[in-house]
């Protein structure tokens, strides 16, 4: 009689099945994403330029923290895809990692793991639509094996090699998730953390609290770690968002 699989083993099996399904889907040459399709974006603020310099300098453990609307995720995904799509690069894919904090009971919902996590991929679909000027860019990148999305729910037990790992909304991770993600970084990979501790969705009244400050305390003791801390002055989303964030901070909110 076969032994009963644990919830973690079932999640890992589902993740592998979903990945294999995509890996074997043919992509028409007319639909394929290439480096030539990627638009060019310049740094708009000194802190954005600081990140670009870190990345060009070979930084492989970087933190992008601070105010919303400054382009943390956009810039990280832009640079990562630019490198992965280059023919002479050592990386085979961009792996976006994110906590599904609003769906802690995700295992009880119907559908495959990919169907459950689709809502969390929407920001990356929108970013890639802007980067490549086509609404299907994210899906095509996934089909071609250049991009992958993994939730912290299903990341245990794997090693992420030859990849650029983008850990997004990291303020929504507890310490167990942070520790698990860091321990998944495999050979020849780099990792970029992005988040704003003021926007945590975690319930702060119980033990499931944000590990953002603990992560920074540990990371800053490591020689490889570099970070950029963005302020409201770096906000580029819109003047209204910038004024709102500045007003919130001035009022202690």
Protein backbone atom coordinates (compact mmCIF):
# COMPACT_ATOMS: atom_id res chain seq x y z
CA UNK A 1 0.00 0.00 0.00
CA UNK A 2 1.46 3.36 -1.08
CA UNK A 3 2.23 5.85 1.65
CA UNK A 4 0.00 8.93 1.86
CA UNK A 5 1.59 12.07 0.44
CA UNK A 6 1.98 15.10 2.63
CA UNK A 7 0.42 18.48 1.60
CA UNK A 8 3.92 19.76 0.75
CA UNK A 9 4.63 16.76 -1.49
CA UNK A 10 1.30 17.24 -3.26
CA UNK A 11 2.03 20.94 -3.86
CA UNK A 12 5.50 20.13 -5.25
CA UNK A 13 4.04 17.46 -7.53
CA UNK A 14 1.41 19.88 -8.83
CA UNK A 15 4.09 22.53 -9.45
CA UNK A 16 6.18 20.04 -11.43
CA UNK A 17 3.15 18.97 -13.47
CA UNK A 18 2.23 22.55 -14.30
CA UNK A 19 5.81 23.32 -15.33
CA UNK A 20 6.02 20.23 -17.54
CA UNK A 21 2.73 21.18 -19.23
CA UNK A 22 4.10 24.59 -20.20
CA UNK A 23 7.50 23.24 -21.17
CA UNK A 24 5.96 21.00 -23.84
CA UNK A 25 3.60 23.56 -25.35
CA UNK A 26 4.90 24.59 -28.79
CA UNK A 27 5.28 28.32 -29.41
CA UNK A 28 4.94 29.70 -32.91
CA UNK A 29 7.97 31.66 -34.13
CA UNK A 30 5.69 34.61 -34.76
CA UNK A 31 4.72 34.66 -31.08
CA UNK A 32 8.15 34.21 -29.55
CA UNK A 33 9.61 36.96 -27.38
CA UNK A 34 13.13 38.10 -28.25
CA UNK A 35 15.55 40.62 -26.75
CA UNK A 36 14.95 42.92 -29.74
CA UNK A 37 11.32 43.25 -28.63
CA UNK A 38 12.28 44.68 -25.23
CA UNK A 39 11.82 48.45 -25.01
CA UNK A 40 14.56 50.62 -23.51
CA UNK A 41 13.95 52.39 -20.20
CA UNK A 42 16.29 54.86 -18.56
CA UNK A 43 16.62 55.62 -14.84
CA UNK A 44 14.36 58.50 -13.82
CA UNK A 45 15.75 59.17 -10.34
CA UNK A 46 19.18 58.92 -8.66
CA UNK A 47 18.07 55.86 -6.69
CA UNK A 48 16.88 54.11 -9.84
CA UNK A 49 20.28 54.81 -11.37
CA UNK A 50 21.91 53.46 -8.22
CA UNK A 51 20.14 50.14 -8.75
CA UNK A 52 21.17 50.05 -12.41
CA UNK A 53 24.79 50.59 -11.38
CA UNK A 54 24.58 47.81 -8.78
CA UNK A 55 23.14 45.46 -11.37
CA UNK A 56 25.69 46.36 -14.03
CA UNK A 57 28.41 45.90 -11.42
CA UNK A 58 27.49 42.25 -10.95
CA UNK A 59 25.44 42.50 -7.75
CA UNK A 60 23.88 39.14 -6.99
CA UNK A 61 22.13 39.81 -3.64
CA UNK A 62 20.21 43.09 -3.83
CA UNK A 63 17.38 44.66 -1.84
CA UNK A 64 15.02 47.26 -3.32
CA UNK A 65 12.97 48.72 -0.49
CA UNK A 66 10.87 51.75 0.34
CA UNK A 67 7.98 53.79 -0.99
CA UNK A 68 5.37 52.41 -3.41
CA UNK A 69 5.26 53.74 -6.94
CA UNK A 70 9.04 54.07 -7.33
CA UNK A 71 9.41 51.22 -9.86
CA UNK A 72 11.04 48.57 -7.65
CA UNK A 73 9.40 45.56 -9.30
CA UNK A 74 9.34 47.12 -12.76
CA UNK A 75 13.05 47.89 -12.79
CA UNK A 76 14.06 44.53 -11.31
CA UNK A 77 12.00 42.57 -13.84
CA UNK A 78 13.23 44.80 -16.67
CA UNK A 79 16.90 44.22 -15.92
CA UNK A 80 16.39 40.51 -15.19
CA UNK A 81 14.56 39.83 -18.46
CA UNK A 82 17.07 41.89 -20.40
CA UNK A 83 19.85 39.67 -19.11
CA UNK A 84 18.01 36.37 -19.50
CA UNK A 85 17.04 37.12 -23.11
CA UNK A 86 20.64 37.98 -24.02
CA UNK A 87 22.34 35.11 -25.86
CA UNK A 88 25.63 35.40 -23.97
CA UNK A 89 24.14 35.37 -20.47
CA UNK A 90 24.66 32.59 -17.88
CA UNK A 91 21.01 32.57 -16.71
CA UNK A 92 18.21 30.52 -18.21
CA UNK A 93 15.15 32.06 -16.52
CA UNK A 94 13.65 34.70 -14.28
CA UNK A 95 11.86 33.21 -11.28
CA UNK A 96 9.34 35.45 -9.52
CA UNK A 97 8.65 34.37 -5.94
CA UNK A 98 5.78 35.77 -3.92
CA UNK A 99 3.81 34.93 -0.79
CA UNK A 100 0.09 34.30 -1.20
CA UNK A 101 -0.63 35.82 2.17
CA UNK A 102 -4.28 36.60 1.42
CA UNK A 103 -4.87 32.96 0.45
CA UNK A 104 -3.37 30.96 3.31
CA UNK A 105 -6.09 28.35 2.66
CA UNK A 106 -5.13 28.07 -1.01
CA UNK A 107 -4.86 24.30 -0.82
CA UNK A 108 -8.63 23.98 -0.31
CA UNK A 109 -9.54 25.95 -3.42
CA UNK A 110 -10.42 24.09 -6.67
CA UNK A 111 -8.13 24.05 -9.68
CA UNK A 112 -4.45 23.53 -10.34
CA UNK A 113 -1.75 25.43 -8.51
CA UNK A 114 -1.33 27.66 -11.56
CA UNK A 115 -5.04 28.53 -11.59
CA UNK A 116 -4.96 29.42 -7.90
CA UNK A 117 -1.98 31.71 -8.23
CA UNK A 118 -3.04 33.45 -11.45
CA UNK A 119 -4.27 36.57 -9.66
CA UNK A 120 -0.79 37.04 -8.16
CA UNK A 121 0.77 37.03 -11.62
CA UNK A 122 -1.30 39.99 -12.87
CA UNK A 123 1.31 42.65 -11.93
CA UNK A 124 3.96 40.83 -13.97
CA UNK A 125 1.62 40.49 -16.94
CA UNK A 126 1.04 44.25 -16.83
CA UNK A 127 4.74 45.03 -16.47
CA UNK A 128 5.69 42.75 -19.37
CA UNK A 129 2.94 44.24 -21.52
CA UNK A 130 4.65 47.61 -21.01
CA UNK A 131 8.18 46.23 -21.46
CA UNK A 132 7.41 44.47 -24.74
CA UNK A 133 4.38 46.38 -26.04
CA UNK A 134 2.19 43.27 -26.23
CA UNK A 135 -0.40 41.97 -23.80
CA UNK A 136 0.67 38.32 -24.09
CA UNK A 137 4.36 38.91 -23.27
CA UNK A 138 4.34 37.32 -19.80
CA UNK A 139 2.54 34.20 -21.03
CA UNK A 140 4.89 33.84 -24.00
CA UNK A 141 7.94 34.23 -21.75
CA UNK A 142 6.61 31.46 -19.50
CA UNK A 143 5.94 29.18 -22.46
CA UNK A 144 9.45 29.76 -23.79
CA UNK A 145 10.94 28.91 -20.39
CA UNK A 146 12.30 32.41 -19.73
CA UNK A 147 9.93 33.22 -16.85
CA UNK A 148 8.42 31.27 -13.99
CA UNK A 149 6.20 32.15 -11.04
CA UNK A 150 6.45 30.24 -7.75
CA UNK A 151 4.58 30.93 -4.54
CA UNK A 152 6.23 30.41 -1.17
CA UNK A 153 3.50 27.78 -0.67
CA UNK A 154 5.22 25.48 -3.17
CA UNK A 155 8.89 26.44 -3.08
CA UNK A 156 10.13 23.96 -0.46
CA UNK A 157 12.36 21.13 -1.60
CA UNK A 158 13.64 22.70 -4.82
CA UNK A 159 16.94 24.29 -5.81
CA UNK A 160 16.80 27.26 -8.18
CA UNK A 161 19.93 27.11 -10.30
CA UNK A 162 21.10 29.34 -13.18
CA UNK A 163 18.33 31.83 -12.51
CA UNK A 164 17.59 35.42 -11.56
CA UNK A 165 15.23 35.23 -8.61
CA UNK A 166 12.92 38.19 -7.94
CA UNK A 167 11.30 38.02 -4.51
CA UNK A 168 8.41 40.47 -4.71
CA UNK A 169 6.26 41.99 -1.92
CA UNK A 170 8.69 40.50 0.60
CA UNK A 171 7.04 42.43 3.44
CA UNK A 172 4.26 39.83 3.23
CA UNK A 173 6.57 36.99 4.24
CA UNK A 174 7.01 35.57 7.70
CA UNK A 175 10.41 34.35 8.85
CA UNK A 176 9.78 30.77 7.78
CA UNK A 177 9.08 31.94 4.23
CA UNK A 178 12.09 34.27 4.14
CA UNK A 179 14.41 31.54 5.37
CA UNK A 180 12.98 28.99 2.93
CA UNK A 181 13.35 31.30 -0.06
CA UNK A 182 16.96 32.19 0.77
CA UNK A 183 17.83 28.52 1.16
CA UNK A 184 16.45 27.75 -2.33
CA UNK A 185 19.09 29.86 -4.12
CA UNK A 186 21.14 27.39 -6.12
CA UNK A 187 24.33 27.47 -8.17
CA UNK A 188 24.99 30.42 -10.48
CA UNK A 189 21.87 32.31 -9.42
CA UNK A 190 21.30 35.86 -8.20
CA UNK A 191 18.44 37.14 -6.05
CA UNK A 192 16.67 40.51 -5.78
CA UNK A 193 14.30 41.30 -2.90
CA UNK A 194 11.63 43.96 -3.32
CA UNK A 195 9.18 45.35 -0.77
CA UNK A 196 7.89 48.06 1.54
CA UNK A 197 7.36 47.16 5.20
CA UNK A 198 4.58 49.76 5.48
CA UNK A 199 2.38 47.77 3.11
CA UNK A 200 2.35 44.39 4.84
CA UNK A 201 -0.88 42.38 4.56
CA UNK A 202 0.11 40.06 7.40
CA UNK A 203 -2.02 40.04 10.53
CA UNK A 204 0.15 41.71 13.12
CA UNK A 205 -1.89 40.56 16.10
CA UNK A 206 -0.60 36.98 15.97
CA UNK A 207 2.69 35.20 15.38
CA UNK A 208 2.37 35.47 11.60
CA UNK A 209 4.04 38.87 11.39
CA UNK A 210 6.31 40.37 8.77
CA UNK A 211 9.95 39.29 8.87
CA UNK A 212 11.05 42.30 6.82
CA UNK A 213 13.20 43.89 9.53
CA UNK A 214 14.68 40.55 10.60
CA UNK A 215 15.62 39.86 6.98
CA UNK A 216 17.35 43.23 6.61
CA UNK A 217 19.20 42.80 9.90
CA UNK A 218 20.61 39.45 8.80
CA UNK A 219 21.24 40.49 5.19
CA UNK A 220 23.14 43.66 6.06
CA UNK A 221 25.67 41.53 7.96
CA UNK A 222 26.49 39.69 4.73
CA UNK A 223 29.26 41.04 2.55
CA UNK A 224 27.39 40.30 -0.70
CA UNK A 225 24.26 42.28 0.19
CA UNK A 226 23.55 45.66 -1.40
CA UNK A 227 20.40 47.70 -1.09
CA UNK A 228 18.63 50.77 -2.38
CA UNK A 229 16.12 52.46 -0.10
CA UNK A 230 13.63 54.53 -2.09
CA UNK A 231 11.83 57.58 -0.67
CA UNK A 232 8.68 59.45 -1.76
CA UNK A 233 10.96 61.67 -3.85
CA UNK A 234 11.58 58.64 -6.09
CA UNK A 235 7.88 58.06 -6.86
CA UNK A 236 7.28 58.00 -10.61
CA UNK A 237 3.82 56.39 -10.80
CA UNK A 238 1.94 59.70 -10.81
CA UNK A 239 2.02 63.12 -9.16
CA UNK A 240 -1.17 62.27 -7.27
CA UNK A 241 0.38 59.14 -5.76
CA UNK A 242 3.50 61.08 -4.87
CA UNK A 243 1.50 63.83 -3.14
CA UNK A 244 -0.60 61.24 -1.31
CA UNK A 245 2.39 59.30 0.04
CA UNK A 246 4.16 62.48 1.14
CA UNK A 247 1.02 63.74 2.87
CA UNK A 248 0.56 60.38 4.63
CA UNK A 249 4.12 60.49 5.97
CA UNK A 250 3.77 64.10 7.07
CA UNK A 251 0.68 63.09 9.05
CA UNK A 252 2.40 60.10 10.63
CA UNK A 253 0.37 57.52 8.69
